[in-house]
Protein backbone atom coordinates (compact mmCIF):
# COMPACT_ATOMS: atom_id res chain seq x y z
CA MET A 1 -138.71 -105.24 40.37
CA ARG A 2 -135.52 -107.16 41.15
CA SER A 3 -132.59 -105.48 42.88
CA GLY A 4 -130.42 -105.45 39.73
CA ASP A 5 -133.28 -104.00 37.72
CA LYS A 6 -133.81 -101.26 40.31
CA GLN A 7 -130.12 -100.35 40.26
CA GLY A 8 -130.13 -100.17 36.47
CA PHE A 9 -133.29 -98.09 36.55
CA PHE A 10 -131.77 -95.74 39.14
CA THR A 11 -128.66 -95.39 36.98
CA GLY A 12 -130.83 -94.40 34.01
CA VAL A 13 -132.68 -91.78 36.05
CA LYS A 14 -129.40 -90.41 37.37
CA ARG A 15 -127.99 -90.17 33.85
CA ALA A 16 -131.09 -88.27 32.66
CA ALA A 17 -130.86 -85.96 35.69
CA GLU A 18 -127.20 -85.24 35.01
CA ASN A 19 -128.16 -84.40 31.42
CA GLY A 20 -130.60 -81.74 32.62
CA ASP A 21 -134.01 -83.44 32.61
CA ALA A 22 -136.12 -81.54 35.19
CA ASP A 23 -138.39 -84.49 36.02
CA ALA A 24 -135.45 -86.87 36.36
CA ARG A 25 -133.77 -84.37 38.69
CA TYR A 26 -136.92 -84.25 40.83
CA ASN A 27 -137.18 -88.04 40.85
CA LEU A 28 -133.53 -88.40 41.79
CA GLY A 29 -134.13 -85.99 44.69
CA ALA A 30 -137.09 -88.13 45.76
CA HIS A 31 -134.89 -91.24 45.66
CA TYR A 32 -132.36 -89.61 47.98
CA ALA A 33 -135.04 -88.16 50.27
CA ASN A 34 -136.77 -91.52 50.68
CA GLY A 35 -133.70 -93.77 50.54
CA ARG A 36 -135.03 -95.70 47.54
CA GLY A 37 -132.22 -97.50 45.78
CA VAL A 38 -129.65 -95.38 47.61
CA LYS A 39 -128.76 -94.46 51.17
CA ARG A 40 -131.02 -91.64 52.41
CA ASP A 41 -129.17 -88.34 51.99
CA LEU A 42 -131.24 -85.21 52.56
CA GLN A 43 -128.46 -82.87 51.43
CA GLU A 44 -128.16 -84.71 48.12
CA ALA A 45 -131.96 -84.71 47.83
CA ALA A 46 -132.03 -80.93 48.31
CA ARG A 47 -129.29 -80.49 45.72
CA TRP A 48 -131.30 -82.39 43.08
CA PHE A 49 -134.57 -80.64 43.98
CA GLU A 50 -132.79 -77.29 43.56
CA LYS A 51 -131.48 -78.38 40.16
CA SER A 52 -134.98 -79.52 39.20
CA LEU A 53 -136.44 -76.17 40.24
CA GLU A 54 -133.76 -74.33 38.24
CA ALA A 55 -134.73 -76.46 35.23
CA GLY A 56 -138.35 -75.33 35.55
CA ASN A 57 -140.02 -78.00 37.70
CA LYS A 58 -142.29 -76.01 40.03
CA GLU A 59 -143.13 -79.07 42.16
CA ALA A 60 -139.54 -79.13 43.37
CA GLN A 61 -140.28 -76.03 45.46
CA ALA A 62 -142.72 -77.99 47.65
CA ALA A 63 -140.17 -80.78 48.07
CA LEU A 64 -137.53 -78.24 49.14
CA GLU A 65 -139.97 -76.71 51.61
CA SER A 66 -140.64 -80.16 53.09
CA LEU A 67 -136.92 -80.71 53.57
CA ALA A 68 -136.45 -77.21 55.00
CA SER A 69 -139.14 -77.86 57.62
CA LEU A 70 -136.80 -80.34 59.32
CA GLU A 71 -135.16 -78.56 62.23
CA PRO A 72 -131.45 -79.03 62.95
CA VAL A 73 -130.75 -80.93 66.15
CA GLN A 74 -128.94 -79.05 68.92
CA GLU A 75 -126.88 -80.57 71.72
CA THR A 76 -129.50 -79.43 74.23
CA THR A 77 -132.42 -81.05 72.41
CA THR A 78 -134.40 -83.36 74.70
CA ILE A 79 -135.28 -86.94 73.81
CA GLU A 80 -138.97 -85.98 73.58
CA LYS A 81 -138.16 -83.18 71.15
CA LEU A 82 -135.94 -85.51 69.09
CA VAL A 83 -138.79 -88.02 68.83
CA GLY A 84 -141.16 -85.25 67.73
CA LEU A 85 -138.66 -83.92 65.17
CA PHE A 86 -138.09 -87.42 63.84
CA ARG A 87 -141.80 -88.12 63.45
CA ARG A 88 -142.46 -84.75 61.81
CA GLY A 89 -139.49 -85.26 59.50
CA GLU A 90 -140.65 -88.72 58.52
CA GLU A 91 -144.10 -87.34 57.69
CA ALA A 92 -142.60 -84.49 55.64
CA ILE A 93 -140.40 -86.87 53.68
CA LYS A 94 -143.35 -89.19 52.96
CA THR A 95 -144.95 -86.36 51.00
CA ILE A 96 -142.04 -86.38 48.53
CA ARG A 97 -143.00 -88.93 45.91
CA PRO A 98 -141.49 -89.82 42.56
CA ARG A 99 -143.57 -88.63 39.64
CA GLY A 100 -144.85 -90.20 36.48
CA PHE A 101 -143.06 -93.18 35.05
CA LEU A 102 -140.71 -93.48 38.01
CA GLU A 103 -143.52 -93.90 40.51
CA LYS A 104 -144.95 -96.80 38.51
CA GLU A 105 -141.56 -98.46 38.02
CA MET A 106 -140.59 -98.32 41.69
CA GLU A 107 -143.79 -99.87 43.07
C-alpha cells in the first residue's frame, strides 16, 4: 500500500472511530500503540482502547492490560533495567494487532 493510500485509510479508520465504531476504535488504538501511520503514542493508544472497551469491544481489555504492564521509568532506574523494560514493552506492544479488515489492509 502506498504512503498516500495508507494515510487515506488511516483517516477513514479515525473517522469511523470518532463516530463510535468499537472495532475502528480498537484499530486506531493499535495504530497508535504500534506507530503504524502515526507517531507511536501510548497514551493516545490507551485512550482509544478505553473508548473501544466502553463501546463493547472486549478485546480492548487485553490491549489495555498490555499497555499497563509497561512500568514508568524512574530517575534511579539503571541502564540494565531500562533495557529490560524496553524489551518487555516492545514484546507487549507486539501483541496488539489490528483486527479484521484493517490487518489485511495494512500488510
